[in-house]
């Protein structure tokens, strides 16, 4: 499974960013091979609007199965669902920790957005 974690940095030791659309980095982890790649999301960090949708589009282009983040708004959640990307919410921790939680079945799949639109 390929998973994107919204992160404050580009490594597995980086903290999970609580904001989906405005996370500085998207860290992709292949849970089977252990391969890790990082993608800069700075373009959306300071976007005036549409950061969630634009980040969801970036995630879809990465061809991943799921995303782990702190929170996700309704437009981004819808865009991810349309792309077939599952959303899991994490209360904190590092990229490595939340991926291990996902593998252990400790993260719950989100059924809807966790925050209203334009949350910061």
PDB file of N, CA and C in Angstrom:
ATOM      1  N   UNK A   1       0.842  -1.179   0.000  1.00  0.00           N
ATOM      2  CA  UNK A   1       0.000   0.000   0.000  1.00  0.00           C
ATOM      3  C   UNK A   1       0.887   1.241   0.000  1.00  0.00           C
ATOM      4  N   UNK A   2       0.528   2.198  -0.836  1.00  0.00           N
ATOM      5  CA  UNK A   2       1.241   3.483  -0.844  1.00  0.00           C
ATOM      6  C   UNK A   2       0.392   4.489  -0.073  1.00  0.00           C
ATOM      7  N   UNK A   3       1.032   5.143   0.895  1.00  0.00           N
ATOM      8  CA  UNK A   3       0.345   6.057   1.797  1.00  0.00           C
ATOM      9  C   UNK A   3       1.054   7.412   1.791  1.00  0.00           C
ATOM     10  N   UNK A   4       0.269   8.496   1.737  1.00  0.00           N
ATOM     11  CA  UNK A   4       0.812   9.849   1.909  1.00  0.00           C
ATOM     12  C   UNK A   4       0.542  10.284   3.336  1.00  0.00           C
ATOM     13  N   UNK A   5       1.556  10.848   3.981  1.00  0.00           N
ATOM     14  CA  UNK A   5       1.384  11.447   5.303  1.00  0.00           C
ATOM     15  C   UNK A   5       1.671  12.934   5.166  1.00  0.00           C
ATOM     16  N   UNK A   6       0.730  13.778   5.603  1.00  0.00           N
ATOM     17  CA  UNK A   6       0.994  15.221   5.609  1.00  0.00           C
ATOM     18  C   UNK A   6       1.961  15.482   6.748  1.00  0.00           C
ATOM     19  N   UNK A   7       3.063  16.156   6.432  1.00  0.00           N
ATOM     20  CA  UNK A   7       4.129  16.269   7.423  1.00  0.00           C
ATOM     21  C   UNK A   7       4.733  17.664   7.467  1.00  0.00           C
ATOM     22  N   UNK A   8       5.349  17.946   8.602  1.00  0.00           N
ATOM     23  CA  UNK A   8       6.029  19.227   8.803  1.00  0.00           C
ATOM     24  C   UNK A   8       7.435  19.220   8.224  1.00  0.00           C
ATOM     25  N   UNK A   9       7.920  18.055   7.815  1.00  0.00           N
ATOM     26  CA  UNK A   9       9.246  17.916   7.236  1.00  0.00           C
ATOM     27  C   UNK A   9       9.263  16.789   6.229  1.00  0.00           C
ATOM     28  N   UNK A  10      10.433  16.508   5.677  1.00  0.00           N
ATOM     29  CA  UNK A  10      10.530  15.582   4.558  1.00  0.00           C
ATOM     30  C   UNK A  10      10.984  14.169   4.915  1.00  0.00           C
ATOM     31  N   UNK A  11      11.121  13.862   6.204  1.00  0.00           N
ATOM     32  CA  UNK A  11      11.613  12.549   6.605  1.00  0.00           C
ATOM     33  C   UNK A  11      10.582  11.798   7.438  1.00  0.00           C
ATOM     34  N   UNK A  12      10.876  10.537   7.699  1.00  0.00           N
ATOM     35  CA  UNK A  12       9.969   9.729   8.510  1.00  0.00           C
ATOM     36  C   UNK A  12       9.931  10.180   9.967  1.00  0.00           C
ATOM     37  N   UNK A  13      10.921  10.932  10.395  1.00  0.00           N
ATOM     38  CA  UNK A  13      10.933  11.418  11.773  1.00  0.00           C
ATOM     39  C   UNK A  13      10.192  12.753  11.919  1.00  0.00           C
ATOM     40  N   UNK A  14       9.693  13.295  10.806  1.00  0.00           N
ATOM     41  CA  UNK A  14       8.936  14.552  10.853  1.00  0.00           C
ATOM     42  C   UNK A  14       7.578  14.337  11.511  1.00  0.00           C
ATOM     43  N   UNK A  15       7.087  15.365  12.158  1.00  0.00           N
ATOM     44  CA  UNK A  15       5.766  15.305  12.790  1.00  0.00           C
ATOM     45  C   UNK A  15       4.663  15.386  11.746  1.00  0.00           C
ATOM     46  N   UNK A  16       3.565  14.706  12.031  1.00  0.00           N
ATOM     47  CA  UNK A  16       2.382  14.800  11.171  1.00  0.00           C
ATOM     48  C   UNK A  16       1.845  16.215  11.267  1.00  0.00           C
ATOM     49  N   UNK A  17       1.525  16.819  10.123  1.00  0.00           N
ATOM     50  CA  UNK A  17       0.931  18.157  10.120  1.00  0.00           C
ATOM     51  C   UNK A  17      -0.572  18.002  10.290  1.00  0.00           C
ATOM     52  N   UNK A  18      -1.154  18.805  11.167  1.00  0.00           N
ATOM     53  CA  UNK A  18      -2.590  18.702  11.437  1.00  0.00           C
ATOM     54  C   UNK A  18      -3.441  19.234  10.295  1.00  0.00           C
ATOM     55  N   UNK A  19      -2.818  19.967   9.365  1.00  0.00           N
ATOM     56  CA  UNK A  19      -3.558  20.562   8.250  1.00  0.00           C
ATOM     57  C   UNK A  19      -3.285  19.781   6.980  1.00  0.00           C
ATOM     58  N   UNK A  20      -4.318  19.310   6.333  1.00  0.00           N
ATOM     59  CA  UNK A  20      -4.124  18.570   5.096  1.00  0.00           C
ATOM     60  C   UNK A  20      -3.619  19.484   3.985  1.00  0.00           C
ATOM     61  N   UNK A  21      -4.379  20.487   3.632  1.00  0.00           N
ATOM     62  CA  UNK A  21      -4.070  21.321   2.480  1.00  0.00           C
ATOM     63  C   UNK A  21      -2.848  22.190   2.625  1.00  0.00           C
ATOM     64  N   UNK A  22      -2.519  22.568   3.836  1.00  0.00           N
ATOM     65  CA  UNK A  22      -1.408  23.502   4.040  1.00  0.00           C
ATOM     66  C   UNK A  22      -0.189  22.847   4.692  1.00  0.00           C
ATOM     67  N   UNK A  23      -0.118  21.540   4.617  1.00  0.00           N
ATOM     68  CA  UNK A  23       1.069  20.840   5.118  1.00  0.00           C
ATOM     69  C   UNK A  23       2.255  21.144   4.214  1.00  0.00           C
ATOM     70  N   UNK A  24       3.417  21.435   4.788  1.00  0.00           N
ATOM     71  CA  UNK A  24       4.579  21.769   3.967  1.00  0.00           C
ATOM     72  C   UNK A  24       5.102  20.616   3.112  1.00  0.00           C
ATOM     73  N   UNK A  25       4.912  19.378   3.583  1.00  0.00           N
ATOM     74  CA  UNK A  25       5.440  18.213   2.867  1.00  0.00           C
ATOM     75  C   UNK A  25       4.415  17.089   2.790  1.00  0.00           C
ATOM     76  N   UNK A  26       4.512  16.346   1.720  1.00  0.00           N
ATOM     77  CA  UNK A  26       3.742  15.119   1.558  1.00  0.00           C
ATOM     78  C   UNK A  26       4.756  13.991   1.495  1.00  0.00           C
ATOM     79  N   UNK A  27       4.773  13.155   2.522  1.00  0.00           N
ATOM     80  CA  UNK A  27       5.726  12.048   2.583  1.00  0.00           C
ATOM     81  C   UNK A  27       4.998  10.773   2.164  1.00  0.00           C
ATOM     82  N   UNK A  28       5.491  10.145   1.104  1.00  0.00           N
ATOM     83  CA  UNK A  28       4.900   8.913   0.591  1.00  0.00           C
ATOM     84  C   UNK A  28       5.685   7.735   1.141  1.00  0.00           C
ATOM     85  N   UNK A  29       4.961   6.778   1.729  1.00  0.00           N
ATOM     86  CA  UNK A  29       5.583   5.573   2.272  1.00  0.00           C
ATOM     87  C   UNK A  29       4.930   4.363   1.633  1.00  0.00           C
ATOM     88  N   UNK A  30       5.741   3.483   1.089  1.00  0.00           N
ATOM     89  CA  UNK A  30       5.245   2.200   0.587  1.00  0.00           C
ATOM     90  C   UNK A  30       5.329   1.228   1.763  1.00  0.00           C
ATOM     91  N   UNK A  31       4.175   0.794   2.275  1.00  0.00           N
ATOM     92  CA  UNK A  31       4.154  -0.017   3.494  1.00  0.00           C
ATOM     93  C   UNK A  31       4.728  -1.411   3.273  1.00  0.00           C
ATOM     94  N   UNK A  32       4.829  -1.850   2.024  1.00  0.00           N
ATOM     95  CA  UNK A  32       5.378  -3.179   1.761  1.00  0.00           C
ATOM     96  C   UNK A  32       6.889  -3.143   1.555  1.00  0.00           C
ATOM     97  N   UNK A  33       7.370  -2.213   0.758  1.00  0.00           N
ATOM     98  CA  UNK A  33       8.807  -2.159   0.461  1.00  0.00           C
ATOM     99  C   UNK A  33       9.584  -1.280   1.442  1.00  0.00           C
ATOM    100  N   UNK A  34       8.877  -0.373   2.137  1.00  0.00           N
ATOM    101  CA  UNK A  34       9.533   0.552   3.047  1.00  0.00           C
ATOM    102  C   UNK A  34      10.097   1.775   2.345  1.00  0.00           C
ATOM    103  N   UNK A  35       9.938   1.847   1.027  1.00  0.00           N
ATOM    104  CA  UNK A  35      10.445   2.987   0.265  1.00  0.00           C
ATOM    105  C   UNK A  35       9.739   4.266   0.700  1.00  0.00           C
ATOM    106  N   UNK A  36      10.519   5.355   0.822  1.00  0.00           N
ATOM    107  CA  UNK A  36       9.993   6.647   1.259  1.00  0.00           C
ATOM    108  C   UNK A  36      10.417   7.713   0.255  1.00  0.00           C
ATOM    109  N   UNK A  37       9.470   8.577  -0.101  1.00  0.00           N
ATOM    110  CA  UNK A  37       9.777   9.722  -0.954  1.00  0.00           C
ATOM    111  C   UNK A  37       9.041  10.928  -0.409  1.00  0.00           C
ATOM    112  N   UNK A  38       9.615  12.085  -0.612  1.00  0.00           N
ATOM    113  CA  UNK A  38       9.031  13.314  -0.094  1.00  0.00           C
ATOM    114  C   UNK A  38       8.706  14.258  -1.241  1.00  0.00           C
ATOM    115  N   UNK A  39       7.560  14.932  -1.118  1.00  0.00           N
ATOM    116  CA  UNK A  39       7.130  15.895  -2.129  1.00  0.00           C
ATOM    117  C   UNK A  39       6.808  17.216  -1.446  1.00  0.00           C
ATOM    118  N   UNK A  40       7.391  18.265  -1.953  1.00  0.00           N
ATOM    119  CA  UNK A  40       7.197  19.604  -1.415  1.00  0.00           C
ATOM    120  C   UNK A  40       5.768  20.079  -1.694  1.00  0.00           C
ATOM    121  N   UNK A  41       5.110  20.651  -0.699  1.00  0.00           N
ATOM    122  CA  UNK A  41       3.756  21.185  -0.851  1.00  0.00           C
ATOM    123  C   UNK A  41       3.733  22.675  -0.499  1.00  0.00           C
ATOM    124  N   UNK A  42       4.890  23.333  -0.565  1.00  0.00           N
ATOM    125  CA  UNK A  42       4.990  24.748  -0.198  1.00  0.00           C
ATOM    126  C   UNK A  42       4.064  25.635  -1.028  1.00  0.00           C
ATOM    127  N   UNK A  43       3.798  25.235  -2.272  1.00  0.00           N
ATOM    128  CA  UNK A  43       2.945  26.046  -3.134  1.00  0.00           C
ATOM    129  C   UNK A  43       1.561  26.241  -2.508  1.00  0.00           C
ATOM    130  N   UNK A  44       1.104  25.272  -1.742  1.00  0.00           N
ATOM    131  CA  UNK A  44      -0.217  25.366  -1.122  1.00  0.00           C
ATOM    132  C   UNK A  44      -0.166  25.882   0.311  1.00  0.00           C
ATOM    133  N   UNK A  45       1.023  25.938   0.876  1.00  0.00           N
ATOM    134  CA  UNK A  45       1.175  26.398   2.259  1.00  0.00           C
ATOM    135  C   UNK A  45       0.612  27.799   2.449  1.00  0.00           C
ATOM    136  N   UNK A  46       0.870  28.676   1.491  1.00  0.00           N
ATOM    137  CA  UNK A  46       0.416  30.062   1.608  1.00  0.00           C
ATOM    138  C   UNK A  46      -0.641  30.431   0.573  1.00  0.00           C
ATOM    139  N   UNK A  47      -1.311  29.448   0.017  1.00  0.00           N
ATOM    140  CA  UNK A  47      -2.344  29.725  -0.986  1.00  0.00           C
ATOM    141  C   UNK A  47      -3.477  30.536  -0.367  1.00  0.00           C
ATOM    142  N   UNK A  48      -3.970  31.504  -1.121  1.00  0.00           N
ATOM    143  CA  UNK A  48      -5.073  32.334  -0.630  1.00  0.00           C
ATOM    144  C   UNK A  48      -6.332  31.506  -0.435  1.00  0.00           C
ATOM    145  N   UNK A  49      -6.568  30.576  -1.337  1.00  0.00           N
ATOM    146  CA  UNK A  49      -7.725  29.689  -1.223  1.00  0.00           C
ATOM    147  C   UNK A  49      -7.472  28.443  -2.058  1.00  0.00           C
ATOM    148  N   UNK A  50      -8.267  27.411  -1.836  1.00  0.00           N
ATOM    149  CA  UNK A  50      -8.160  26.194  -2.624  1.00  0.00           C
ATOM    150  C   UNK A  50      -7.021  25.266  -2.264  1.00  0.00           C
ATOM    151  N   UNK A  51      -6.368  25.502  -1.127  1.00  0.00           N
ATOM    152  CA  UNK A  51      -5.220  24.670  -0.750  1.00  0.00           C
ATOM    153  C   UNK A  51      -5.605  23.199  -0.593  1.00  0.00           C
ATOM    154  N   UNK A  52      -6.753  22.934  -0.002  1.00  0.00           N
ATOM    155  CA  UNK A  52      -7.177  21.548   0.212  1.00  0.00           C
ATOM    156  C   UNK A  52      -7.416  20.804  -1.079  1.00  0.00           C
ATOM    157  N   UNK A  53      -8.122  21.428  -2.002  1.00  0.00           N
ATOM    158  CA  UNK A  53      -8.405  20.786  -3.287  1.00  0.00           C
ATOM    159  C   UNK A  53      -7.114  20.594  -4.080  1.00  0.00           C
ATOM    160  N   UNK A  54      -6.264  21.608  -4.094  1.00  0.00           N
ATOM    161  CA  UNK A  54      -5.009  21.499  -4.839  1.00  0.00           C
ATOM    162  C   UNK A  54      -4.106  20.416  -4.257  1.00  0.00           C
ATOM    163  N   UNK A  55      -4.081  20.308  -2.940  1.00  0.00           N
ATOM    164  CA  UNK A  55      -3.289  19.255  -2.311  1.00  0.00           C
ATOM    165  C   UNK A  55      -3.900  17.893  -2.603  1.00  0.00           C
ATOM    166  N   UNK A  56      -5.225  17.794  -2.599  1.00  0.00           N
ATOM    167  CA  UNK A  56      -5.889  16.531  -2.939  1.00  0.00           C
ATOM    168  C   UNK A  56      -5.539  16.108  -4.365  1.00  0.00           C
ATOM    169  N   UNK A  57      -5.482  17.058  -5.284  1.00  0.00           N
ATOM    170  CA  UNK A  57      -5.095  16.754  -6.666  1.00  0.00           C
ATOM    171  C   UNK A  57      -3.645  16.277  -6.725  1.00  0.00           C
ATOM    172  N   UNK A  58      -2.773  16.911  -5.949  1.00  0.00           N
ATOM    173  CA  UNK A  58      -1.370  16.495  -5.899  1.00  0.00           C
ATOM    174  C   UNK A  58      -1.263  15.073  -5.349  1.00  0.00           C
ATOM    175  N   UNK A  59      -2.028  14.768  -4.321  1.00  0.00           N
ATOM    176  CA  UNK A  59      -2.028  13.427  -3.728  1.00  0.00           C
ATOM    177  C   UNK A  59      -2.509  12.404  -4.760  1.00  0.00           C
ATOM    178  N   UNK A  60      -3.563  12.727  -5.493  1.00  0.00           N
ATOM    179  CA  UNK A  60      -4.086  11.810  -6.504  1.00  0.00           C
ATOM    180  C   UNK A  60      -3.034  11.518  -7.576  1.00  0.00           C
ATOM    181  N   UNK A  61      -2.262  12.527  -7.958  1.00  0.00           N
ATOM    182  CA  UNK A  61      -1.206  12.335  -8.969  1.00  0.00           C
ATOM    183  C   UNK A  61      -0.094  11.406  -8.468  1.00  0.00           C
ATOM    184  N   UNK A  62       0.042  11.289  -7.160  1.00  0.00           N
ATOM    185  CA  UNK A  62       1.065  10.413  -6.586  1.00  0.00           C
ATOM    186  C   UNK A  62       0.658   8.939  -6.614  1.00  0.00           C
ATOM    187  N   UNK A  63      -0.571   8.681  -7.026  1.00  0.00           N
ATOM    188  CA  UNK A  63      -1.087   7.316  -7.153  1.00  0.00           C
ATOM    189  C   UNK A  63      -0.929   6.518  -5.859  1.00  0.00           C
ATOM    190  N   UNK A  64      -1.524   7.064  -4.796  1.00  0.00           N
ATOM    191  CA  UNK A  64      -1.487   6.407  -3.498  1.00  0.00           C
ATOM    192  C   UNK A  64      -2.856   5.822  -3.162  1.00  0.00           C
ATOM    193  N   UNK A  65      -2.867   4.959  -2.169  1.00  0.00           N
ATOM    194  CA  UNK A  65      -4.104   4.310  -1.739  1.00  0.00           C
ATOM    195  C   UNK A  65      -4.775   5.049  -0.596  1.00  0.00           C
ATOM    196  N   UNK A  66      -3.977   5.761   0.198  1.00  0.00           N
ATOM    197  CA  UNK A  66      -4.519   6.396   1.399  1.00  0.00           C
ATOM    198  C   UNK A  66      -3.691   7.610   1.781  1.00  0.00           C
ATOM    199  N   UNK A  67      -4.296   8.453   2.622  1.00  0.00           N
ATOM    200  CA  UNK A  67      -3.607   9.603   3.187  1.00  0.00           C
ATOM    201  C   UNK A  67      -3.828   9.576   4.696  1.00  0.00           C
ATOM    202  N   UNK A  68      -2.790   9.945   5.433  1.00  0.00           N
ATOM    203  CA  UNK A  68      -2.884  10.103   6.884  1.00  0.00           C
ATOM    204  C   UNK A  68      -2.612  11.568   7.175  1.00  0.00           C
ATOM    205  N   UNK A  69      -3.524  12.192   7.899  1.00  0.00           N
ATOM    206  CA  UNK A  69      -3.400  13.615   8.207  1.00  0.00           C
ATOM    207  C   UNK A  69      -4.066  13.896   9.543  1.00  0.00           C
ATOM    208  N   UNK A  70      -3.897  15.116  10.023  1.00  0.00           N
ATOM    209  CA  UNK A  70      -4.536  15.502  11.280  1.00  0.00           C
ATOM    210  C   UNK A  70      -5.998  15.864  11.080  1.00  0.00           C
ATOM    211  N   UNK A  71      -6.286  16.636  10.030  1.00  0.00           N
ATOM    212  CA  UNK A  71      -7.655  17.059   9.725  1.00  0.00           C
ATOM    213  C   UNK A  71      -7.795  17.243   8.232  1.00  0.00           C
ATOM    214  N   UNK A  72      -9.023  17.140   7.754  1.00  0.00           N
ATOM    215  CA  UNK A  72      -9.304  17.351   6.330  1.00  0.00           C
ATOM    216  C   UNK A  72     -10.672  18.010   6.199  1.00  0.00           C
ATOM    217  N   UNK A  73     -10.742  19.021   5.349  1.00  0.00           N
ATOM    218  CA  UNK A  73     -11.992  19.737   5.111  1.00  0.00           C
ATOM    219  C   UNK A  73     -12.879  19.028   4.104  1.00  0.00           C
ATOM    220  N   UNK A  74     -14.115  19.523   3.942  1.00  0.00           N
ATOM    221  CA  UNK A  74     -15.094  18.839   3.099  1.00  0.00           C
ATOM    222  C   UNK A  74     -14.729  18.778   1.612  1.00  0.00           C
ATOM    223  N   UNK A  75     -14.195  19.839   1.047  1.00  0.00           N
ATOM    224  CA  UNK A  75     -13.858  19.825  -0.390  1.00  0.00           C
ATOM    225  C   UNK A  75     -12.695  18.885  -0.660  1.00  0.00           C
ATOM    226  N   UNK A  76     -11.692  18.933   0.179  1.00  0.00           N
ATOM    227  CA  UNK A  76     -10.549  18.030   0.017  1.00  0.00           C
ATOM    228  C   UNK A  76     -10.976  16.584   0.232  1.00  0.00           C
ATOM    229  N   UNK A  77     -11.821  16.335   1.229  1.00  0.00           N
ATOM    230  CA  UNK A  77     -12.291  14.978   1.503  1.00  0.00           C
ATOM    231  C   UNK A  77     -13.043  14.426   0.291  1.00  0.00           C
ATOM    232  N   UNK A  78     -13.888  15.265  -0.297  1.00  0.00           N
ATOM    233  CA  UNK A  78     -14.640  14.861  -1.483  1.00  0.00           C
ATOM    234  C   UNK A  78     -13.705  14.571  -2.654  1.00  0.00           C
ATOM    235  N   UNK A  79     -12.721  15.446  -2.879  1.00  0.00           N
ATOM    236  CA  UNK A  79     -11.779  15.258  -3.980  1.00  0.00           C
ATOM    237  C   UNK A  79     -10.962  13.980  -3.797  1.00  0.00           C
ATOM    238  N   UNK A  80     -10.549  13.697  -2.574  1.00  0.00           N
ATOM    239  CA  UNK A  80      -9.807  12.473  -2.300  1.00  0.00           C
ATOM    240  C   UNK A  80     -10.678  11.244  -2.551  1.00  0.00           C
ATOM    241  N   UNK A  81     -11.933  11.316  -2.111  1.00  0.00           N
ATOM    242  CA  UNK A  81     -12.858  10.206  -2.339  1.00  0.00           C
ATOM    243  C   UNK A  81     -13.069   9.935  -3.817  1.00  0.00           C
ATOM    244  N   UNK A  82     -13.222  10.996  -4.596  1.00  0.00           N
ATOM    245  CA  UNK A  82     -13.389  10.862  -6.038  1.00  0.00           C
ATOM    246  C   UNK A  82     -12.171  10.182  -6.665  1.00  0.00           C
ATOM    247  N   UNK A  83     -10.997  10.459  -6.124  1.00  0.00           N
ATOM    248  CA  UNK A  83      -9.754   9.866  -6.627  1.00  0.00           C
ATOM    249  C   UNK A  83      -9.520   8.451  -6.086  1.00  0.00           C
ATOM    250  N   UNK A  84     -10.409   7.984  -5.209  1.00  0.00           N
ATOM    251  CA  UNK A  84     -10.260   6.647  -4.645  1.00  0.00           C
ATOM    252  C   UNK A  84      -9.221   6.547  -3.547  1.00  0.00           C
ATOM    253  N   UNK A  85      -8.927   7.676  -2.894  1.00  0.00           N
ATOM    254  CA  UNK A  85      -7.932   7.712  -1.822  1.00  0.00           C
ATOM    255  C   UNK A  85      -8.639   7.721  -0.472  1.00  0.00           C
ATOM    256  N   UNK A  86      -8.361   6.737   0.355  1.00  0.00           N
ATOM    257  CA  UNK A  86      -8.940   6.678   1.696  1.00  0.00           C
ATOM    258  C   UNK A  86      -8.246   7.683   2.603  1.00  0.00           C
ATOM    259  N   UNK A  87      -8.977   8.180   3.600  1.00  0.00           N
ATOM    260  CA  UNK A  87      -8.439   9.168   4.535  1.00  0.00           C
ATOM    261  C   UNK A  87      -8.440   8.580   5.944  1.00  0.00           C
ATOM    262  N   UNK A  88      -7.292   8.668   6.589  1.00  0.00           N
ATOM    263  CA  UNK A  88      -7.153   8.245   7.981  1.00  0.00           C
ATOM    264  C   UNK A  88      -6.676   9.442   8.786  1.00  0.00           C
ATOM    265  N   UNK A  89      -7.255   9.631   9.966  1.00  0.00           N
ATOM    266  CA  UNK A  89      -6.893  10.766  10.816  1.00  0.00           C
ATOM    267  C   UNK A  89      -5.986  10.307  11.950  1.00  0.00           C
ATOM    268  N   UNK A  90      -4.952  11.104  12.188  1.00  0.00           N
ATOM    269  CA  UNK A  90      -4.006  10.809  13.262  1.00  0.00           C
ATOM    270  C   UNK A  90      -3.942  12.004  14.195  1.00  0.00           C
ATOM    271  N   UNK A  91      -3.917  11.748  15.478  1.00  0.00           N
ATOM    272  CA  UNK A  91      -3.885  12.815  16.469  1.00  0.00           C
ATOM    273  C   UNK A  91      -2.518  13.430  16.681  1.00  0.00           C
ATOM    274  N   UNK A  92      -1.486  12.839  16.144  1.00  0.00           N
ATOM    275  CA  UNK A  92      -0.133  13.346  16.311  1.00  0.00           C
ATOM    276  C   UNK A  92       0.864  12.237  16.082  1.00  0.00           C
ATOM    277  N   UNK A  93       2.114  12.549  16.327  1.00  0.00           N
ATOM    278  CA  UNK A  93       3.177  11.578  16.138  1.00  0.00           C
ATOM    279  C   UNK A  93       4.003  11.887  14.911  1.00  0.00           C
ATOM    280  N   UNK A  94       4.928  10.992  14.621  1.00  0.00           N
ATOM    281  CA  UNK A  94       5.789  11.153  13.458  1.00  0.00           C
ATOM    282  C   UNK A  94       5.217  10.365  12.281  1.00  0.00           C
ATOM    283  N   UNK A  95       5.781  10.613  11.112  1.00  0.00           N
ATOM    284  CA  UNK A  95       5.373   9.872   9.919  1.00  0.00           C
ATOM    285  C   UNK A  95       5.528   8.380  10.173  1.00  0.00           C
ATOM    286  N   UNK A  96       6.683   7.989  10.671  1.00  0.00           N
ATOM    287  CA  UNK A  96       6.949   6.574  10.931  1.00  0.00           C
ATOM    288  C   UNK A  96       5.934   5.976  11.912  1.00  0.00           C
ATOM    289  N   UNK A  97       5.627   6.713  12.980  1.00  0.00           N
ATOM    290  CA  UNK A  97       4.693   6.209  13.993  1.00  0.00           C
ATOM    291  C   UNK A  97       3.288   6.005  13.429  1.00  0.00           C
ATOM    292  N   UNK A  98       2.796   6.971  12.654  1.00  0.00           N
ATOM    293  CA  UNK A  98       1.419   6.842  12.162  1.00  0.00           C
ATOM    294  C   UNK A  98       1.300   5.781  11.075  1.00  0.00           C
ATOM    295  N   UNK A  99       2.364   5.571  10.296  1.00  0.00           N
ATOM    296  CA  UNK A  99       2.333   4.488   9.311  1.00  0.00           C
ATOM    297  C   UNK A  99       2.283   3.145  10.039  1.00  0.00           C
ATOM    298  N   UNK A 100       3.043   3.009  11.109  1.00  0.00           N
ATOM    299  CA  UNK A 100       2.999   1.776  11.908  1.00  0.00           C
ATOM    300  C   UNK A 100       1.612   1.587  12.532  1.00  0.00           C
ATOM    301  N   UNK A 101       0.997   2.676  12.994  1.00  0.00           N
ATOM    302  CA  UNK A 101      -0.361   2.595  13.537  1.00  0.00           C
ATOM    303  C   UNK A 101      -1.352   2.124  12.472  1.00  0.00           C
ATOM    304  N   UNK A 102      -1.198   2.633  11.251  1.00  0.00           N
ATOM    305  CA  UNK A 102      -2.064   2.210  10.153  1.00  0.00           C
ATOM    306  C   UNK A 102      -1.884   0.719   9.883  1.00  0.00           C
ATOM    307  N   UNK A 103      -0.643   0.275   9.801  1.00  0.00           N
ATOM    308  CA  UNK A 103      -0.363  -1.133   9.535  1.00  0.00           C
ATOM    309  C   UNK A 103      -0.920  -2.037  10.632  1.00  0.00           C
ATOM    310  N   UNK A 104      -0.955  -1.532  11.853  1.00  0.00           N
ATOM    311  CA  UNK A 104      -1.455  -2.314  12.988  1.00  0.00           C
ATOM    312  C   UNK A 104      -2.976  -2.215  13.137  1.00  0.00           C
ATOM    313  N   UNK A 105      -3.617  -1.472  12.244  1.00  0.00           N
ATOM    314  CA  UNK A 105      -5.071  -1.323  12.315  1.00  0.00           C
ATOM    315  C   UNK A 105      -5.544  -0.391  13.416  1.00  0.00           C
ATOM    316  N   UNK A 106      -4.674   0.511  13.870  1.00  0.00           N
ATOM    317  CA  UNK A 106      -5.009   1.392  14.982  1.00  0.00           C
ATOM    318  C   UNK A 106      -5.584   2.739  14.548  1.00  0.00           C
ATOM    319  N   UNK A 107      -5.562   3.036  13.249  1.00  0.00           N
ATOM    320  CA  UNK A 107      -6.155   4.285  12.762  1.00  0.00           C
ATOM    321  C   UNK A 107      -7.515   3.982  12.150  1.00  0.00           C
ATOM    322  N   UNK A 108      -8.447   4.866  12.394  1.00  0.00           N
ATOM    323  CA  UNK A 108      -9.799   4.682  11.874  1.00  0.00           C
ATOM    324  C   UNK A 108      -9.969   5.475  10.595  1.00  0.00           C
ATOM    325  N   UNK A 109     -10.567   4.831   9.602  1.00  0.00           N
ATOM    326  CA  UNK A 109     -10.831   5.496   8.331  1.00  0.00           C
ATOM    327  C   UNK A 109     -11.900   6.566   8.533  1.00  0.00           C
ATOM    328  N   UNK A 110     -11.625   7.773   8.039  1.00  0.00           N
ATOM    329  CA  UNK A 110     -12.587   8.875   8.151  1.00  0.00           C
ATOM    330  C   UNK A 110     -13.766   8.615   7.220  1.00  0.00           C
ATOM    331  N   UNK A 111     -14.960   8.885   7.708  1.00  0.00           N
ATOM    332  CA  UNK A 111     -16.177   8.727   6.913  1.00  0.00           C
ATOM    333  C   UNK A 111     -16.670  10.053   6.361  1.00  0.00           C
ATOM    334  N   UNK A 112     -16.084  11.135   6.865  1.00  0.00           N
ATOM    335  CA  UNK A 112     -16.463  12.485   6.437  1.00  0.00           C
ATOM    336  C   UNK A 112     -15.355  13.450   6.835  1.00  0.00           C
ATOM    337  N   UNK A 113     -15.483  14.690   6.378  1.00  0.00           N
ATOM    338  CA  UNK A 113     -14.502  15.718   6.746  1.00  0.00           C
ATOM    339  C   UNK A 113     -14.460  15.871   8.263  1.00  0.00           C
ATOM    340  N   UNK A 114     -13.297  16.213   8.764  1.00  0.00           N
ATOM    341  CA  UNK A 114     -13.154  16.368  10.218  1.00  0.00           C
ATOM    342  C   UNK A 114     -13.266  17.817  10.677  1.00  0.00           C
ATOM    343  N   UNK A 115     -13.213  18.751   9.722  1.00  0.00           N
ATOM    344  CA  UNK A 115     -13.334  20.176  10.036  1.00  0.00           C
ATOM    345  C   UNK A 115     -14.153  20.853   8.949  1.00  0.00           C
ATOM    346  N   UNK A 116     -14.668  22.045   9.256  1.00  0.00           N
ATOM    347  CA  UNK A 116     -15.390  22.825   8.257  1.00  0.00           C
ATOM    348  C   UNK A 116     -14.397  23.416   7.260  1.00  0.00           C
ATOM    349  N   UNK A 117     -14.869  23.876   6.159  1.00  0.00           N
ATOM    350  CA  UNK A 117     -14.007  24.509   5.163  1.00  0.00           C
ATOM    351  C   UNK A 117     -13.323  25.729   5.723  1.00  0.00           C
ATOM    352  N   UNK A 118     -12.199  26.104   5.149  1.00  0.00           N
ATOM    353  CA  UNK A 118     -11.411  27.291   5.534  1.00  0.00           C
ATOM    354  C   UNK A 118     -10.950  27.238   6.973  1.00  0.00           C
ATOM    355  N   UNK A 119     -10.640  26.031   7.451  1.00  0.00           N
ATOM    356  CA  UNK A 119     -10.078  25.852   8.783  1.00  0.00           C
ATOM    357  C   UNK A 119      -8.595  26.129   8.709  1.00  0.00           C
ATOM    358  N   UNK A 120      -8.027  26.724   9.723  1.00  0.00           N
ATOM    359  CA  UNK A 120      -6.580  26.982   9.678  1.00  0.00           C
ATOM    360  C   UNK A 120      -5.888  26.509  10.914  1.00  0.00           C
TER     361      UNK A 120
END
